Amino acid sequence: MSIKVNNFMEICVLEFLEDILEHHPDVCKCKNCREDIAAYALNQLQPKYTTTDLGHLYSKAATLDSQRRTDIFRAIAQGIQCVKDKPRHP
């Protein structure tokens, strides 16, 4: 049995991460650091799972809410700071 389940929050974090990193030239942007920042942020946020395209659209509309966007940006900013302070590489 194949079930299509997506965490919409992951899509949001990955999209916003690229925009936010453009404003942080002092942060390493290697694949490992990007993944670590995204993982940190996702662990701070409540997941939003969808199984249909309609559910995806509802979730996308919900991200327009300013508080939800603020929460995502804050989680990413915290992830950036954490990875910047303690990267997994020299």
PDB file of N, CA and C in Angstrom:
ATOM      1  N   MET A   1       0.851  -1.176   0.000  1.00  0.00           N
ATOM      2  CA  MET A   1       0.000   0.000   0.000  1.00  0.00           C
ATOM      3  C   MET A   1       0.898   1.241   0.000  1.00  0.00           C
ATOM      4  N   SER A   2       0.605   2.161  -0.883  1.00  0.00           N
ATOM      5  CA  SER A   2       1.389   3.391  -0.993  1.00  0.00           C
ATOM      6  C   SER A   2       0.550   4.573  -0.525  1.00  0.00           C
ATOM      7  N   ILE A   3       1.079   5.304   0.438  1.00  0.00           N
ATOM      8  CA  ILE A   3       0.395   6.474   0.971  1.00  0.00           C
ATOM      9  C   ILE A   3       1.292   7.683   0.748  1.00  0.00           C
ATOM     10  N   LYS A   4       0.707   8.743   0.212  1.00  0.00           N
ATOM     11  CA  LYS A   4       1.466   9.970  -0.031  1.00  0.00           C
ATOM     12  C   LYS A   4       1.195  10.939   1.116  1.00  0.00           C
ATOM     13  N   VAL A   5       2.181  11.088   1.996  1.00  0.00           N
ATOM     14  CA  VAL A   5       2.069  11.997   3.128  1.00  0.00           C
ATOM     15  C   VAL A   5       3.228  12.975   3.055  1.00  0.00           C
ATOM     16  N   ASN A   6       2.909  14.258   3.119  1.00  0.00           N
ATOM     17  CA  ASN A   6       3.934  15.289   3.054  1.00  0.00           C
ATOM     18  C   ASN A   6       3.824  16.208   4.249  1.00  0.00           C
ATOM     19  N   ASN A   7       4.970  16.612   4.765  1.00  0.00           N
ATOM     20  CA  ASN A   7       4.997  17.612   5.829  1.00  0.00           C
ATOM     21  C   ASN A   7       5.144  18.968   5.142  1.00  0.00           C
ATOM     22  N   PHE A   8       4.054  19.706   5.049  1.00  0.00           N
ATOM     23  CA  PHE A   8       4.069  20.989   4.357  1.00  0.00           C
ATOM     24  C   PHE A   8       5.035  21.964   5.018  1.00  0.00           C
ATOM     25  N   MET A   9       5.235  21.826   6.306  1.00  0.00           N
ATOM     26  CA  MET A   9       6.152  22.711   7.017  1.00  0.00           C
ATOM     27  C   MET A   9       7.570  22.556   6.461  1.00  0.00           C
ATOM     28  N   GLU A  10       7.927  21.365   6.030  1.00  0.00           N
ATOM     29  CA  GLU A  10       9.249  21.141   5.444  1.00  0.00           C
ATOM     30  C   GLU A  10       9.409  21.963   4.163  1.00  0.00           C
ATOM     31  N   ILE A  11       8.375  21.993   3.344  1.00  0.00           N
ATOM     32  CA  ILE A  11       8.408  22.784   2.112  1.00  0.00           C
ATOM     33  C   ILE A  11       8.598  24.260   2.449  1.00  0.00           C
ATOM     34  N   CYS A  12       7.855  24.749   3.435  1.00  0.00           N
ATOM     35  CA  CYS A  12       7.956  26.157   3.832  1.00  0.00           C
ATOM     36  C   CYS A  12       9.356  26.491   4.332  1.00  0.00           C
ATOM     37  N   VAL A  13       9.883  25.660   5.199  1.00  0.00           N
ATOM     38  CA  VAL A  13      11.207  25.922   5.775  1.00  0.00           C
ATOM     39  C   VAL A  13      12.260  25.948   4.666  1.00  0.00           C
ATOM     40  N   LEU A  14      12.214  25.009   3.760  1.00  0.00           N
ATOM     41  CA  LEU A  14      13.210  24.960   2.698  1.00  0.00           C
ATOM     42  C   LEU A  14      13.112  26.170   1.775  1.00  0.00           C
ATOM     43  N   GLU A  15      11.898  26.614   1.499  1.00  0.00           N
ATOM     44  CA  GLU A  15      11.721  27.801   0.657  1.00  0.00           C
ATOM     45  C   GLU A  15      12.205  29.057   1.376  1.00  0.00           C
ATOM     46  N   PHE A  16      11.792  29.243   2.608  1.00  0.00           N
ATOM     47  CA  PHE A  16      12.167  30.434   3.356  1.00  0.00           C
ATOM     48  C   PHE A  16      13.657  30.449   3.675  1.00  0.00           C
ATOM     49  N   LEU A  17      14.237  29.278   3.875  1.00  0.00           N
ATOM     50  CA  LEU A  17      15.651  29.185   4.222  1.00  0.00           C
ATOM     51  C   LEU A  17      16.517  29.843   3.156  1.00  0.00           C
ATOM     52  N   GLU A  18      16.220  29.584   1.909  1.00  0.00           N
ATOM     53  CA  GLU A  18      17.012  30.167   0.823  1.00  0.00           C
ATOM     54  C   GLU A  18      16.963  31.692   0.865  1.00  0.00           C
ATOM     55  N   ASP A  19      15.777  32.245   1.064  1.00  0.00           N
ATOM     56  CA  ASP A  19      15.634  33.704   1.124  1.00  0.00           C
ATOM     57  C   ASP A  19      16.372  34.291   2.324  1.00  0.00           C
ATOM     58  N   ILE A  20      16.262  33.644   3.457  1.00  0.00           N
ATOM     59  CA  ILE A  20      16.874  34.159   4.680  1.00  0.00           C
ATOM     60  C   ILE A  20      18.400  34.071   4.597  1.00  0.00           C
ATOM     61  N   LEU A  21      18.918  32.984   4.038  1.00  0.00           N
ATOM     62  CA  LEU A  21      20.373  32.826   3.937  1.00  0.00           C
ATOM     63  C   LEU A  21      21.007  33.902   3.053  1.00  0.00           C
ATOM     64  N   GLU A  22      20.264  34.438   2.108  1.00  0.00           N
ATOM     65  CA  GLU A  22      20.793  35.516   1.258  1.00  0.00           C
ATOM     66  C   GLU A  22      21.171  36.739   2.092  1.00  0.00           C
ATOM     67  N   HIS A  23      20.521  36.902   3.238  1.00  0.00           N
ATOM     68  CA  HIS A  23      20.770  38.054   4.105  1.00  0.00           C
ATOM     69  C   HIS A  23      21.807  37.758   5.195  1.00  0.00           C
ATOM     70  N   HIS A  24      22.411  36.575   5.122  1.00  0.00           N
ATOM     71  CA  HIS A  24      23.426  36.171   6.100  1.00  0.00           C
ATOM     72  C   HIS A  24      24.684  35.703   5.374  1.00  0.00           C
ATOM     73  N   PRO A  25      25.465  36.653   4.851  1.00  0.00           N
ATOM     74  CA  PRO A  25      26.658  36.264   4.090  1.00  0.00           C
ATOM     75  C   PRO A  25      27.735  35.595   4.944  1.00  0.00           C
ATOM     76  N   ASP A  26      27.659  35.743   6.254  1.00  0.00           N
ATOM     77  CA  ASP A  26      28.678  35.180   7.142  1.00  0.00           C
ATOM     78  C   ASP A  26      28.383  33.746   7.567  1.00  0.00           C
ATOM     79  N   VAL A  27      27.302  33.171   7.063  1.00  0.00           N
ATOM     80  CA  VAL A  27      26.909  31.816   7.445  1.00  0.00           C
ATOM     81  C   VAL A  27      27.310  30.840   6.341  1.00  0.00           C
ATOM     82  N   CYS A  28      27.882  29.710   6.730  1.00  0.00           N
ATOM     83  CA  CYS A  28      28.236  28.670   5.767  1.00  0.00           C
ATOM     84  C   CYS A  28      26.965  28.161   5.092  1.00  0.00           C
ATOM     85  N   LYS A  29      27.031  28.004   3.787  1.00  0.00           N
ATOM     86  CA  LYS A  29      25.866  27.576   3.026  1.00  0.00           C
ATOM     87  C   LYS A  29      26.077  26.215   2.358  1.00  0.00           C
ATOM     88  N   CYS A  30      27.006  25.439   2.915  1.00  0.00           N
ATOM     89  CA  CYS A  30      27.228  24.102   2.369  1.00  0.00           C
ATOM     90  C   CYS A  30      25.992  23.230   2.623  1.00  0.00           C
ATOM     91  N   LYS A  31      25.935  22.111   1.923  1.00  0.00           N
ATOM     92  CA  LYS A  31      24.782  21.208   2.021  1.00  0.00           C
ATOM     93  C   LYS A  31      24.534  20.758   3.465  1.00  0.00           C
ATOM     94  N   ASN A  32      25.601  20.397   4.189  1.00  0.00           N
ATOM     95  CA  ASN A  32      25.440  19.930   5.569  1.00  0.00           C
ATOM     96  C   ASN A  32      24.868  21.016   6.465  1.00  0.00           C
ATOM     97  N   CYS A  33      25.375  22.234   6.337  1.00  0.00           N
ATOM     98  CA  CYS A  33      24.889  23.326   7.186  1.00  0.00           C
ATOM     99  C   CYS A  33      23.440  23.675   6.854  1.00  0.00           C
ATOM    100  N   ARG A  34      23.094  23.691   5.563  1.00  0.00           N
ATOM    101  CA  ARG A  34      21.706  23.961   5.171  1.00  0.00           C
ATOM    102  C   ARG A  34      20.767  22.897   5.761  1.00  0.00           C
ATOM    103  N   GLU A  35      21.179  21.643   5.668  1.00  0.00           N
ATOM    104  CA  GLU A  35      20.356  20.557   6.211  1.00  0.00           C
ATOM    105  C   GLU A  35      20.233  20.663   7.727  1.00  0.00           C
ATOM    106  N   ASP A  36      21.320  21.011   8.395  1.00  0.00           N
ATOM    107  CA  ASP A  36      21.286  21.152   9.852  1.00  0.00           C
ATOM    108  C   ASP A  36      20.369  22.307  10.274  1.00  0.00           C
ATOM    109  N   ILE A  37      20.440  23.413   9.543  1.00  0.00           N
ATOM    110  CA  ILE A  37      19.568  24.555   9.852  1.00  0.00           C
ATOM    111  C   ILE A  37      18.111  24.159   9.652  1.00  0.00           C
ATOM    112  N   ALA A  38      17.821  23.498   8.536  1.00  0.00           N
ATOM    113  CA  ALA A  38      16.447  23.076   8.256  1.00  0.00           C
ATOM    114  C   ALA A  38      15.948  22.092   9.317  1.00  0.00           C
ATOM    115  N   ALA A  39      16.786  21.125   9.682  1.00  0.00           N
ATOM    116  CA  ALA A  39      16.384  20.143  10.698  1.00  0.00           C
ATOM    117  C   ALA A  39      16.118  20.819  12.034  1.00  0.00           C
ATOM    118  N   TYR A  40      16.985  21.755  12.411  1.00  0.00           N
ATOM    119  CA  TYR A  40      16.787  22.478  13.667  1.00  0.00           C
ATOM    120  C   TYR A  40      15.438  23.202  13.633  1.00  0.00           C
ATOM    121  N   ALA A  41      15.195  23.938  12.548  1.00  0.00           N
ATOM    122  CA  ALA A  41      13.949  24.701  12.443  1.00  0.00           C
ATOM    123  C   ALA A  41      12.729  23.777  12.482  1.00  0.00           C
ATOM    124  N   LEU A  42      12.783  22.687  11.746  1.00  0.00           N
ATOM    125  CA  LEU A  42      11.642  21.770  11.708  1.00  0.00           C
ATOM    126  C   LEU A  42      11.364  21.148  13.069  1.00  0.00           C
ATOM    127  N   ASN A  43      12.403  20.933  13.858  1.00  0.00           N
ATOM    128  CA  ASN A  43      12.198  20.391  15.195  1.00  0.00           C
ATOM    129  C   ASN A  43      11.567  21.404  16.153  1.00  0.00           C
ATOM    130  N   GLN A  44      11.603  22.677  15.789  1.00  0.00           N
ATOM    131  CA  GLN A  44      10.984  23.721  16.616  1.00  0.00           C
ATOM    132  C   GLN A  44       9.534  23.989  16.225  1.00  0.00           C
ATOM    133  N   LEU A  45       9.134  23.520  15.050  1.00  0.00           N
ATOM    134  CA  LEU A  45       7.822  23.842  14.500  1.00  0.00           C
ATOM    135  C   LEU A  45       6.885  22.641  14.542  1.00  0.00           C
ATOM    136  N   GLN A  46       5.602  22.935  14.671  1.00  0.00           N
ATOM    137  CA  GLN A  46       4.600  21.871  14.628  1.00  0.00           C
ATOM    138  C   GLN A  46       4.462  21.396  13.187  1.00  0.00           C
ATOM    139  N   PRO A  47       4.543  20.095  12.938  1.00  0.00           N
ATOM    140  CA  PRO A  47       4.402  19.602  11.566  1.00  0.00           C
ATOM    141  C   PRO A  47       2.991  19.860  11.042  1.00  0.00           C
ATOM    142  N   LYS A  48       2.893  19.976   9.743  1.00  0.00           N
ATOM    143  CA  LYS A  48       1.597  20.171   9.086  1.00  0.00           C
ATOM    144  C   LYS A  48       1.539  19.171   7.937  1.00  0.00           C
ATOM    145  N   TYR A  49       0.972  18.006   8.205  1.00  0.00           N
ATOM    146  CA  TYR A  49       0.949  16.936   7.209  1.00  0.00           C
ATOM    147  C   TYR A  49      -0.255  17.070   6.292  1.00  0.00           C
ATOM    148  N   THR A  50      -0.009  16.792   5.008  1.00  0.00           N
ATOM    149  CA  THR A  50      -1.081  16.784   4.014  1.00  0.00           C
ATOM    150  C   THR A  50      -0.977  15.503   3.202  1.00  0.00           C
ATOM    151  N   THR A  51      -2.105  15.103   2.639  1.00  0.00           N
ATOM    152  CA  THR A  51      -2.118  13.903   1.796  1.00  0.00           C
ATOM    153  C   THR A  51      -2.687  14.183   0.412  1.00  0.00           C
ATOM    154  N   THR A  52      -3.265  15.360   0.226  1.00  0.00           N
ATOM    155  CA  THR A  52      -3.867  15.691  -1.063  1.00  0.00           C
ATOM    156  C   THR A  52      -3.388  17.061  -1.529  1.00  0.00           C
ATOM    157  N   ASP A  53      -3.617  17.327  -2.792  1.00  0.00           N
ATOM    158  CA  ASP A  53      -3.275  18.639  -3.332  1.00  0.00           C
ATOM    159  C   ASP A  53      -4.136  19.722  -2.685  1.00  0.00           C
ATOM    160  N   LEU A  54      -5.385  19.403  -2.385  1.00  0.00           N
ATOM    161  CA  LEU A  54      -6.262  20.369  -1.724  1.00  0.00           C
ATOM    162  C   LEU A  54      -5.739  20.685  -0.323  1.00  0.00           C
ATOM    163  N   GLY A  55      -5.298  19.677   0.391  1.00  0.00           N
ATOM    164  CA  GLY A  55      -4.718  19.899   1.712  1.00  0.00           C
ATOM    165  C   GLY A  55      -3.474  20.756   1.620  1.00  0.00           C
ATOM    166  N   HIS A  56      -2.704  20.544   0.573  1.00  0.00           N
ATOM    167  CA  HIS A  56      -1.503  21.351   0.343  1.00  0.00           C
ATOM    168  C   HIS A  56      -1.896  22.813   0.134  1.00  0.00           C
ATOM    169  N   LEU A  57      -2.946  23.062  -0.638  1.00  0.00           N
ATOM    170  CA  LEU A  57      -3.409  24.433  -0.884  1.00  0.00           C
ATOM    171  C   LEU A  57      -3.898  25.098   0.397  1.00  0.00           C
ATOM    172  N   TYR A  58      -4.639  24.359   1.217  1.00  0.00           N
ATOM    173  CA  TYR A  58      -5.104  24.915   2.495  1.00  0.00           C
ATOM    174  C   TYR A  58      -3.919  25.269   3.393  1.00  0.00           C
ATOM    175  N   SER A  59      -2.943  24.399   3.413  1.00  0.00           N
ATOM    176  CA  SER A  59      -1.765  24.658   4.232  1.00  0.00           C
ATOM    177  C   SER A  59      -0.988  25.868   3.715  1.00  0.00           C
ATOM    178  N   LYS A  60      -0.909  25.986   2.405  1.00  0.00           N
ATOM    179  CA  LYS A  60      -0.205  27.130   1.830  1.00  0.00           C
ATOM    180  C   LYS A  60      -0.928  28.425   2.190  1.00  0.00           C
ATOM    181  N   ALA A  61      -2.237  28.409   2.147  1.00  0.00           N
ATOM    182  CA  ALA A  61      -3.018  29.592   2.524  1.00  0.00           C
ATOM    183  C   ALA A  61      -2.783  29.934   3.990  1.00  0.00           C
ATOM    184  N   ALA A  62      -2.641  28.929   4.824  1.00  0.00           N
ATOM    185  CA  ALA A  62      -2.425  29.160   6.256  1.00  0.00           C
ATOM    186  C   ALA A  62      -1.072  29.811   6.524  1.00  0.00           C
ATOM    187  N   THR A  63      -0.079  29.572   5.651  1.00  0.00           N
ATOM    188  CA  THR A  63       1.233  30.178   5.879  1.00  0.00           C
ATOM    189  C   THR A  63       1.207  31.676   5.607  1.00  0.00           C
ATOM    190  N   LEU A  64       0.156  32.155   4.983  1.00  0.00           N
ATOM    191  CA  LEU A  64       0.027  33.592   4.767  1.00  0.00           C
ATOM    192  C   LEU A  64      -0.253  34.315   6.081  1.00  0.00           C
ATOM    193  N   ASP A  65      -0.692  33.572   7.077  1.00  0.00           N
ATOM    194  CA  ASP A  65      -0.915  34.130   8.404  1.00  0.00           C
ATOM    195  C   ASP A  65       0.411  34.660   8.939  1.00  0.00           C
ATOM    196  N   SER A  66       0.417  35.913   9.359  1.00  0.00           N
ATOM    197  CA  SER A  66       1.674  36.549   9.761  1.00  0.00           C
ATOM    198  C   SER A  66       2.327  35.869  10.965  1.00  0.00           C
ATOM    199  N   GLN A  67       1.541  35.367  11.885  1.00  0.00           N
ATOM    200  CA  GLN A  67       2.128  34.701  13.058  1.00  0.00           C
ATOM    201  C   GLN A  67       2.833  33.416  12.653  1.00  0.00           C
ATOM    202  N   ARG A  68       2.235  32.658  11.756  1.00  0.00           N
ATOM    203  CA  ARG A  68       2.856  31.403  11.320  1.00  0.00           C
ATOM    204  C   ARG A  68       4.158  31.687  10.580  1.00  0.00           C
ATOM    205  N   ARG A  69       4.156  32.702   9.722  1.00  0.00           N
ATOM    206  CA  ARG A  69       5.383  33.076   9.004  1.00  0.00           C
ATOM    207  C   ARG A  69       6.457  33.528  10.000  1.00  0.00           C
ATOM    208  N   THR A  70       6.046  34.289  10.996  1.00  0.00           N
ATOM    209  CA  THR A  70       6.986  34.744  12.022  1.00  0.00           C
ATOM    210  C   THR A  70       7.592  33.559  12.752  1.00  0.00           C
ATOM    211  N   ASP A  71       6.768  32.580  13.090  1.00  0.00           N
ATOM    212  CA  ASP A  71       7.262  31.377  13.780  1.00  0.00           C
ATOM    213  C   ASP A  71       8.288  30.634  12.921  1.00  0.00           C
ATOM    214  N   ILE A  72       8.018  30.535  11.625  1.00  0.00           N
ATOM    215  CA  ILE A  72       8.935  29.846  10.723  1.00  0.00           C
ATOM    216  C   ILE A  72      10.246  30.621  10.625  1.00  0.00           C
ATOM    217  N   PHE A  73      10.149  31.932  10.427  1.00  0.00           N
ATOM    218  CA  PHE A  73      11.356  32.760  10.328  1.00  0.00           C
ATOM    219  C   PHE A  73      12.175  32.688  11.613  1.00  0.00           C
ATOM    220  N   ARG A  74      11.506  32.716  12.758  1.00  0.00           N
ATOM    221  CA  ARG A  74      12.213  32.650  14.036  1.00  0.00           C
ATOM    222  C   ARG A  74      12.942  31.316  14.183  1.00  0.00           C
ATOM    223  N   ALA A  75      12.275  30.227  13.837  1.00  0.00           N
ATOM    224  CA  ALA A  75      12.892  28.902  13.950  1.00  0.00           C
ATOM    225  C   ALA A  75      14.114  28.790  13.034  1.00  0.00           C
ATOM    226  N   ILE A  76      14.011  29.339  11.830  1.00  0.00           N
ATOM    227  CA  ILE A  76      15.151  29.309  10.913  1.00  0.00           C
ATOM    228  C   ILE A  76      16.282  30.172  11.452  1.00  0.00           C
ATOM    229  N   ALA A  77      15.962  31.355  11.963  1.00  0.00           N
ATOM    230  CA  ALA A  77      16.993  32.241  12.523  1.00  0.00           C
ATOM    231  C   ALA A  77      17.715  31.563  13.684  1.00  0.00           C
ATOM    232  N   GLN A  78      16.981  30.858  14.529  1.00  0.00           N
ATOM    233  CA  GLN A  78      17.604  30.136  15.634  1.00  0.00           C
ATOM    234  C   GLN A  78      18.500  29.016  15.109  1.00  0.00           C
ATOM    235  N   GLY A  79      18.041  28.345  14.064  1.00  0.00           N
ATOM    236  CA  GLY A  79      18.840  27.289  13.453  1.00  0.00           C
ATOM    237  C   GLY A  79      20.122  27.832  12.851  1.00  0.00           C
ATOM    238  N   ILE A  80      20.017  28.986  12.202  1.00  0.00           N
ATOM    239  CA  ILE A  80      21.203  29.621  11.628  1.00  0.00           C
ATOM    240  C   ILE A  80      22.208  29.937  12.725  1.00  0.00           C
ATOM    241  N   GLN A  81      21.737  30.511  13.812  1.00  0.00           N
ATOM    242  CA  GLN A  81      22.640  30.871  14.907  1.00  0.00           C
ATOM    243  C   GLN A  81      23.280  29.643  15.528  1.00  0.00           C
ATOM    244  N   CYS A  82      22.499  28.601  15.720  1.00  0.00           N
ATOM    245  CA  CYS A  82      23.014  27.364  16.320  1.00  0.00           C
ATOM    246  C   CYS A  82      24.089  26.736  15.435  1.00  0.00           C
ATOM    247  N   VAL A  83      23.820  26.645  14.146  1.00  0.00           N
ATOM    248  CA  VAL A  83      24.780  26.030  13.220  1.00  0.00           C
ATOM    249  C   VAL A  83      26.003  26.923  13.052  1.00  0.00           C
ATOM    250  N   LYS A  84      25.791  28.225  13.061  1.00  0.00           N
ATOM    251  CA  LYS A  84      26.914  29.165  12.955  1.00  0.00           C
ATOM    252  C   LYS A  84      27.846  29.023  14.161  1.00  0.00           C
ATOM    253  N   ASP A  85      27.251  28.865  15.340  1.00  0.00           N
ATOM    254  CA  ASP A  85      28.041  28.714  16.570  1.00  0.00           C
ATOM    255  C   ASP A  85      28.754  27.370  16.662  1.00  0.00           C
ATOM    256  N   LYS A  86      28.094  26.323  16.148  1.00  0.00           N
ATOM    257  CA  LYS A  86      28.650  24.970  16.271  1.00  0.00           C
ATOM    258  C   LYS A  86      28.471  24.180  14.970  1.00  0.00           C
ATOM    259  N   PRO A  87      29.172  24.561  13.921  1.00  0.00           N
ATOM    260  CA  PRO A  87      29.051  23.792  12.674  1.00  0.00           C
ATOM    261  C   PRO A  87      29.665  22.406  12.850  1.00  0.00           C
ATOM    262  N   ARG A  88      29.212  21.473  12.020  1.00  0.00           N
ATOM    263  CA  ARG A  88      29.747  20.109  12.121  1.00  0.00           C
ATOM    264  C   ARG A  88      31.064  19.930  11.358  1.00  0.00           C
ATOM    265  N   HIS A  89      31.611  21.033  10.873  1.00  0.00           N
ATOM    266  CA  HIS A  89      32.882  20.986  10.163  1.00  0.00           C
ATOM    267  C   HIS A  89      33.727  22.185  10.571  1.00  0.00           C
ATOM    268  N   PRO A  90      35.046  22.114  10.324  1.00  0.00           N
ATOM    269  CA  PRO A  90      35.922  23.233  10.709  1.00  0.00           C
ATOM    270  C   PRO A  90      35.673  24.481   9.872  1.00  0.00           C
TER     271      PRO A  90
END
